[in-house]
Amino acid sequence: MARLRLRDGRATLRLGDDMDVPLEIAASYRARTRGLLGRDGLDGDVLLLTPASSIHTVRMRFAIDVAYLDRHFRVLAVRTMPPGRLGRPRLRARHVLEAEAGAMAAWGLRPGATVRVVS
């Protein structure tokens, strides 16, 4: 299986067989550090932080849904985090997805599901 090289930029997140969501990839140190800080929302997009095994919502303006993914993009855990919180690190997590609060529940994203990044 070819290894996927992720770089900062735009892509599409495929959830299951029939749902695509606009994706912003933060793969560089600078992009991961900035994350969602200073934003007022995501407008239906999803942010992928890679590599990452934990996140925080300190100085954020809105609540977010967080999905921790392993190296095969399988969902390990899904959480909703209000502003001002520290997420605990997930040992097997390699990537973290962030979306507006409630979005992942609406998509039916839960532990065990697998997502794909497509151009």
N, C-alpha and C. Protein backbone atom coordinates (compact mmCIF):
# COMPACT_ATOMS: atom_id res chain seq x y z
N MET A 1 0.84 -1.18 0.00
CA MET A 1 0.00 0.00 0.00
C MET A 1 0.88 1.24 0.00
N ALA A 2 0.66 2.15 -0.93
CA ALA A 2 1.45 3.37 -1.03
C ALA A 2 1.15 4.30 0.14
N ARG A 3 2.20 4.93 0.60
CA ARG A 3 2.05 5.85 1.71
C ARG A 3 1.56 7.20 1.21
N LEU A 4 0.55 7.74 1.86
CA LEU A 4 -0.04 9.02 1.47
C LEU A 4 0.80 10.16 2.02
N ARG A 5 1.25 11.06 1.14
CA ARG A 5 2.01 12.24 1.58
C ARG A 5 1.05 13.41 1.69
N LEU A 6 0.92 13.92 2.89
CA LEU A 6 0.01 15.04 3.11
C LEU A 6 0.80 16.33 3.24
N ARG A 7 0.32 17.36 2.55
CA ARG A 7 0.94 18.69 2.60
C ARG A 7 -0.15 19.71 2.91
N ASP A 8 0.25 20.87 3.40
CA ASP A 8 -0.70 21.94 3.66
C ASP A 8 -1.50 22.22 2.38
N GLY A 9 -2.78 22.43 2.55
CA GLY A 9 -3.61 22.77 1.40
C GLY A 9 -5.01 22.24 1.51
N ARG A 10 -5.68 22.15 0.38
CA ARG A 10 -7.08 21.72 0.32
C ARG A 10 -7.19 20.33 -0.29
N ALA A 11 -8.19 19.60 0.15
CA ALA A 11 -8.48 18.27 -0.39
C ALA A 11 -9.94 17.98 -0.06
N THR A 12 -10.32 16.72 -0.16
CA THR A 12 -11.67 16.28 0.18
C THR A 12 -11.57 15.11 1.14
N LEU A 13 -12.42 15.11 2.15
CA LEU A 13 -12.50 14.01 3.10
C LEU A 13 -13.69 13.15 2.70
N ARG A 14 -13.42 11.87 2.43
CA ARG A 14 -14.49 10.96 2.03
C ARG A 14 -14.91 10.14 3.26
N LEU A 15 -16.19 10.28 3.61
CA LEU A 15 -16.78 9.56 4.74
C LEU A 15 -17.67 8.47 4.18
N GLY A 16 -17.27 7.22 4.32
CA GLY A 16 -18.05 6.14 3.75
C GLY A 16 -17.95 6.16 2.24
N ASP A 17 -19.01 5.74 1.58
CA ASP A 17 -19.00 5.66 0.12
C ASP A 17 -19.68 6.83 -0.57
N ASP A 18 -20.47 7.60 0.18
CA ASP A 18 -21.30 8.59 -0.50
C ASP A 18 -21.24 10.00 0.06
N MET A 19 -20.34 10.29 0.99
CA MET A 19 -20.30 11.64 1.55
C MET A 19 -18.89 12.22 1.45
N ASP A 20 -18.78 13.39 0.81
CA ASP A 20 -17.52 14.11 0.70
C ASP A 20 -17.66 15.45 1.42
N VAL A 21 -16.60 15.82 2.15
CA VAL A 21 -16.58 17.07 2.91
C VAL A 21 -15.31 17.83 2.54
N PRO A 22 -15.39 19.15 2.30
CA PRO A 22 -14.18 19.93 2.02
C PRO A 22 -13.22 19.84 3.20
N LEU A 23 -11.93 19.67 2.88
CA LEU A 23 -10.90 19.43 3.89
C LEU A 23 -9.77 20.41 3.73
N GLU A 24 -9.31 20.94 4.85
CA GLU A 24 -8.10 21.75 4.89
C GLU A 24 -7.05 20.93 5.64
N ILE A 25 -5.87 20.78 5.05
CA ILE A 25 -4.81 19.98 5.66
C ILE A 25 -3.77 20.90 6.27
N ALA A 26 -3.43 20.65 7.54
CA ALA A 26 -2.38 21.37 8.24
C ALA A 26 -1.29 20.35 8.58
N ALA A 27 -0.27 20.25 7.71
CA ALA A 27 0.78 19.26 7.88
C ALA A 27 2.10 19.87 8.34
N SER A 28 2.31 21.15 8.10
CA SER A 28 3.55 21.79 8.54
C SER A 28 3.43 22.21 9.99
N TYR A 29 4.56 22.40 10.63
CA TYR A 29 4.56 22.83 12.02
C TYR A 29 3.79 24.14 12.19
N ARG A 30 4.03 25.07 11.30
CA ARG A 30 3.38 26.39 11.39
C ARG A 30 1.86 26.27 11.25
N ALA A 31 1.40 25.50 10.28
CA ALA A 31 -0.04 25.35 10.06
C ALA A 31 -0.70 24.62 11.23
N ARG A 32 -0.04 23.58 11.77
CA ARG A 32 -0.60 22.85 12.92
C ARG A 32 -0.67 23.75 14.15
N THR A 33 0.35 24.57 14.34
CA THR A 33 0.37 25.46 15.51
C THR A 33 -0.75 26.49 15.42
N ARG A 34 -1.01 27.02 14.25
CA ARG A 34 -2.09 28.00 14.08
C ARG A 34 -3.45 27.34 14.21
N GLY A 35 -3.63 26.19 13.55
CA GLY A 35 -4.89 25.46 13.63
C GLY A 35 -6.10 26.34 13.40
N LEU A 36 -7.02 26.36 14.35
CA LEU A 36 -8.24 27.16 14.24
C LEU A 36 -8.17 28.46 15.03
N LEU A 37 -7.03 28.77 15.60
CA LEU A 37 -6.91 30.00 16.39
C LEU A 37 -7.19 31.23 15.52
N GLY A 38 -7.97 32.13 16.05
CA GLY A 38 -8.29 33.37 15.35
C GLY A 38 -9.47 33.25 14.38
N ARG A 39 -10.03 32.08 14.24
CA ARG A 39 -11.18 31.90 13.34
C ARG A 39 -12.49 31.96 14.12
N ASP A 40 -13.55 32.30 13.42
CA ASP A 40 -14.88 32.35 14.03
C ASP A 40 -15.70 31.10 13.72
N GLY A 41 -15.19 30.23 12.87
CA GLY A 41 -15.90 29.01 12.50
C GLY A 41 -15.20 28.31 11.36
N LEU A 42 -15.78 27.20 10.92
CA LEU A 42 -15.20 26.41 9.83
C LEU A 42 -16.05 26.42 8.57
N ASP A 43 -17.27 26.90 8.63
CA ASP A 43 -18.16 26.99 7.47
C ASP A 43 -18.31 25.66 6.73
N GLY A 44 -18.50 24.58 7.48
CA GLY A 44 -18.74 23.27 6.88
C GLY A 44 -17.49 22.50 6.50
N ASP A 45 -16.33 23.12 6.62
CA ASP A 45 -15.07 22.44 6.31
C ASP A 45 -14.60 21.61 7.50
N VAL A 46 -13.58 20.81 7.25
CA VAL A 46 -12.93 20.01 8.28
C VAL A 46 -11.44 20.33 8.21
N LEU A 47 -10.79 20.38 9.36
CA LEU A 47 -9.35 20.61 9.42
C LEU A 47 -8.68 19.31 9.86
N LEU A 48 -7.67 18.88 9.10
CA LEU A 48 -6.89 17.69 9.43
C LEU A 48 -5.52 18.14 9.91
N LEU A 49 -5.18 17.82 11.15
CA LEU A 49 -3.85 18.09 11.69
C LEU A 49 -3.05 16.81 11.60
N THR A 50 -1.90 16.87 10.95
CA THR A 50 -1.08 15.67 10.80
C THR A 50 0.39 16.01 10.77
N PRO A 51 1.24 15.36 11.49
CA PRO A 51 0.92 14.39 12.52
C PRO A 51 0.44 15.09 13.78
N ALA A 52 -0.45 14.45 14.51
CA ALA A 52 -0.96 14.98 15.77
C ALA A 52 -1.61 13.85 16.56
N SER A 53 -1.48 13.92 17.88
CA SER A 53 -2.12 12.91 18.73
C SER A 53 -2.96 13.55 19.83
N SER A 54 -2.91 14.89 19.90
CA SER A 54 -3.74 15.60 20.87
C SER A 54 -3.93 17.03 20.39
N ILE A 55 -4.92 17.71 20.97
CA ILE A 55 -5.19 19.10 20.60
C ILE A 55 -5.64 19.86 21.84
N HIS A 56 -5.80 21.16 21.68
CA HIS A 56 -6.37 21.99 22.74
C HIS A 56 -7.30 23.00 22.11
N THR A 57 -8.18 23.56 22.93
CA THR A 57 -9.09 24.61 22.45
C THR A 57 -8.87 25.91 23.22
N VAL A 58 -7.68 26.07 23.78
CA VAL A 58 -7.34 27.29 24.50
C VAL A 58 -7.31 28.45 23.50
N ARG A 59 -7.95 29.56 23.85
CA ARG A 59 -8.07 30.78 23.05
C ARG A 59 -8.92 30.60 21.79
N MET A 60 -9.70 29.53 21.73
CA MET A 60 -10.62 29.36 20.60
C MET A 60 -11.94 30.02 20.92
N ARG A 61 -12.69 30.36 19.88
CA ARG A 61 -13.94 31.10 20.04
C ARG A 61 -15.19 30.24 19.96
N PHE A 62 -15.05 28.96 19.64
CA PHE A 62 -16.22 28.12 19.45
C PHE A 62 -15.88 26.67 19.80
N ALA A 63 -16.92 25.89 20.07
CA ALA A 63 -16.74 24.47 20.38
C ALA A 63 -16.48 23.70 19.09
N ILE A 64 -15.74 22.60 19.20
CA ILE A 64 -15.44 21.78 18.03
C ILE A 64 -15.64 20.29 18.32
N ASP A 65 -15.87 19.54 17.27
CA ASP A 65 -15.82 18.08 17.33
C ASP A 65 -14.40 17.67 16.95
N VAL A 66 -13.90 16.66 17.63
CA VAL A 66 -12.55 16.17 17.38
C VAL A 66 -12.61 14.66 17.15
N ALA A 67 -11.98 14.20 16.08
CA ALA A 67 -11.86 12.77 15.83
C ALA A 67 -10.37 12.43 15.77
N TYR A 68 -9.97 11.48 16.60
CA TYR A 68 -8.59 11.01 16.62
C TYR A 68 -8.50 9.82 15.66
N LEU A 69 -7.52 9.86 14.74
CA LEU A 69 -7.38 8.83 13.72
C LEU A 69 -6.04 8.11 13.87
N ASP A 70 -6.02 6.81 13.58
CA ASP A 70 -4.75 6.09 13.59
C ASP A 70 -4.07 6.25 12.23
N ARG A 71 -2.96 5.58 12.01
CA ARG A 71 -2.19 5.76 10.78
C ARG A 71 -2.92 5.26 9.53
N HIS A 72 -3.95 4.45 9.71
CA HIS A 72 -4.75 3.96 8.59
C HIS A 72 -6.04 4.78 8.42
N PHE A 73 -6.13 5.92 9.10
CA PHE A 73 -7.29 6.81 9.06
C PHE A 73 -8.55 6.16 9.61
N ARG A 74 -8.38 5.26 10.56
CA ARG A 74 -9.50 4.65 11.27
C ARG A 74 -9.76 5.49 12.51
N VAL A 75 -11.02 5.79 12.78
CA VAL A 75 -11.40 6.66 13.90
C VAL A 75 -11.22 5.89 15.22
N LEU A 76 -10.42 6.47 16.12
CA LEU A 76 -10.19 5.89 17.44
C LEU A 76 -11.18 6.42 18.47
N ALA A 77 -11.47 7.72 18.39
CA ALA A 77 -12.38 8.35 19.34
C ALA A 77 -12.93 9.63 18.74
N VAL A 78 -14.12 10.01 19.16
CA VAL A 78 -14.75 11.27 18.73
C VAL A 78 -15.19 12.00 19.99
N ARG A 79 -14.85 13.27 20.10
CA ARG A 79 -15.20 14.08 21.26
C ARG A 79 -15.67 15.46 20.81
N THR A 80 -16.52 16.09 21.62
CA THR A 80 -16.87 17.49 21.44
C THR A 80 -16.16 18.26 22.54
N MET A 81 -15.42 19.29 22.15
CA MET A 81 -14.64 20.06 23.11
C MET A 81 -15.05 21.53 23.10
N PRO A 82 -15.46 22.07 24.26
CA PRO A 82 -15.74 23.49 24.34
C PRO A 82 -14.44 24.29 24.37
N PRO A 83 -14.51 25.60 24.17
CA PRO A 83 -13.30 26.43 24.23
C PRO A 83 -12.62 26.32 25.60
N GLY A 84 -11.30 26.47 25.59
CA GLY A 84 -10.53 26.52 26.83
C GLY A 84 -10.18 25.17 27.43
N ARG A 85 -10.18 24.11 26.64
CA ARG A 85 -9.90 22.76 27.16
C ARG A 85 -8.63 22.18 26.56
N LEU A 86 -8.05 21.22 27.29
CA LEU A 86 -6.92 20.45 26.80
C LEU A 86 -7.40 19.04 26.53
N GLY A 87 -7.16 18.54 25.34
CA GLY A 87 -7.52 17.16 25.02
C GLY A 87 -6.40 16.23 25.45
N ARG A 88 -6.76 15.09 25.98
CA ARG A 88 -5.70 14.17 26.40
C ARG A 88 -5.12 13.45 25.18
N PRO A 89 -3.82 13.21 25.20
CA PRO A 89 -3.18 12.54 24.06
C PRO A 89 -3.71 11.11 23.88
N ARG A 90 -3.84 10.69 22.64
CA ARG A 90 -4.24 9.32 22.29
C ARG A 90 -3.00 8.61 21.78
N LEU A 91 -2.63 7.52 22.43
CA LEU A 91 -1.38 6.85 22.13
C LEU A 91 -1.26 6.38 20.69
N ARG A 92 -2.28 5.84 20.10
CA ARG A 92 -2.21 5.33 18.72
C ARG A 92 -2.58 6.37 17.67
N ALA A 93 -2.97 7.56 18.10
CA ALA A 93 -3.42 8.58 17.14
C ALA A 93 -2.25 9.12 16.33
N ARG A 94 -2.49 9.28 15.05
CA ARG A 94 -1.50 9.85 14.14
C ARG A 94 -2.01 11.14 13.49
N HIS A 95 -3.33 11.27 13.42
CA HIS A 95 -3.98 12.43 12.80
C HIS A 95 -5.15 12.85 13.67
N VAL A 96 -5.53 14.14 13.57
CA VAL A 96 -6.70 14.64 14.29
C VAL A 96 -7.55 15.45 13.32
N LEU A 97 -8.84 15.15 13.29
CA LEU A 97 -9.81 15.91 12.49
C LEU A 97 -10.55 16.87 13.42
N GLU A 98 -10.75 18.10 12.97
CA GLU A 98 -11.53 19.08 13.73
C GLU A 98 -12.64 19.62 12.84
N ALA A 99 -13.84 19.69 13.41
CA ALA A 99 -15.01 20.22 12.69
C ALA A 99 -15.87 20.98 13.68
N GLU A 100 -16.85 21.73 13.17
CA GLU A 100 -17.75 22.45 14.06
C GLU A 100 -18.51 21.46 14.94
N ALA A 101 -18.81 21.87 16.16
CA ALA A 101 -19.50 21.00 17.11
C ALA A 101 -20.82 20.50 16.51
N GLY A 102 -21.04 19.20 16.62
CA GLY A 102 -22.25 18.58 16.11
C GLY A 102 -22.12 18.01 14.71
N ALA A 103 -21.11 18.41 13.97
CA ALA A 103 -20.96 17.96 12.58
C ALA A 103 -20.69 16.46 12.50
N MET A 104 -19.81 15.95 13.33
CA MET A 104 -19.44 14.54 13.24
C MET A 104 -20.59 13.62 13.63
N ALA A 105 -21.39 14.04 14.59
CA ALA A 105 -22.58 13.25 14.94
C ALA A 105 -23.56 13.24 13.78
N ALA A 106 -23.72 14.38 13.10
CA ALA A 106 -24.61 14.46 11.95
C ALA A 106 -24.13 13.56 10.81
N TRP A 107 -22.81 13.41 10.66
CA TRP A 107 -22.25 12.57 9.61
C TRP A 107 -22.28 11.10 10.00
N GLY A 108 -22.52 10.81 11.28
CA GLY A 108 -22.49 9.43 11.76
C GLY A 108 -21.08 8.90 11.97
N LEU A 109 -20.11 9.81 12.14
CA LEU A 109 -18.72 9.41 12.35
C LEU A 109 -18.54 8.91 13.77
N ARG A 110 -18.07 7.68 13.91
CA ARG A 110 -17.88 7.08 15.24
C ARG A 110 -16.67 6.16 15.23
N PRO A 111 -16.18 5.77 16.41
CA PRO A 111 -15.01 4.90 16.47
C PRO A 111 -15.20 3.64 15.63
N GLY A 112 -14.13 3.27 14.92
CA GLY A 112 -14.16 2.10 14.05
C GLY A 112 -14.35 2.45 12.58
N ALA A 113 -14.93 3.61 12.30
CA ALA A 113 -15.13 4.04 10.91
C ALA A 113 -13.77 4.41 10.29
N THR A 114 -13.68 4.33 8.98
CA THR A 114 -12.47 4.72 8.29
C THR A 114 -12.82 5.84 7.32
N VAL A 115 -11.96 6.86 7.28
CA VAL A 115 -12.14 7.99 6.36
C VAL A 115 -10.98 7.98 5.37
N ARG A 116 -11.16 8.67 4.24
CA ARG A 116 -10.11 8.77 3.24
C ARG A 116 -9.91 10.21 2.83
N VAL A 117 -8.67 10.57 2.52
CA VAL A 117 -8.34 11.87 1.99
C VAL A 117 -8.11 11.71 0.50
N VAL A 118 -8.89 12.46 -0.30
CA VAL A 118 -8.75 12.40 -1.75
C VAL A 118 -8.53 13.82 -2.29
N SER A 119 -7.84 13.90 -3.43
CA SER A 119 -7.56 15.22 -4.01
C SER A 119 -8.76 15.76 -4.73
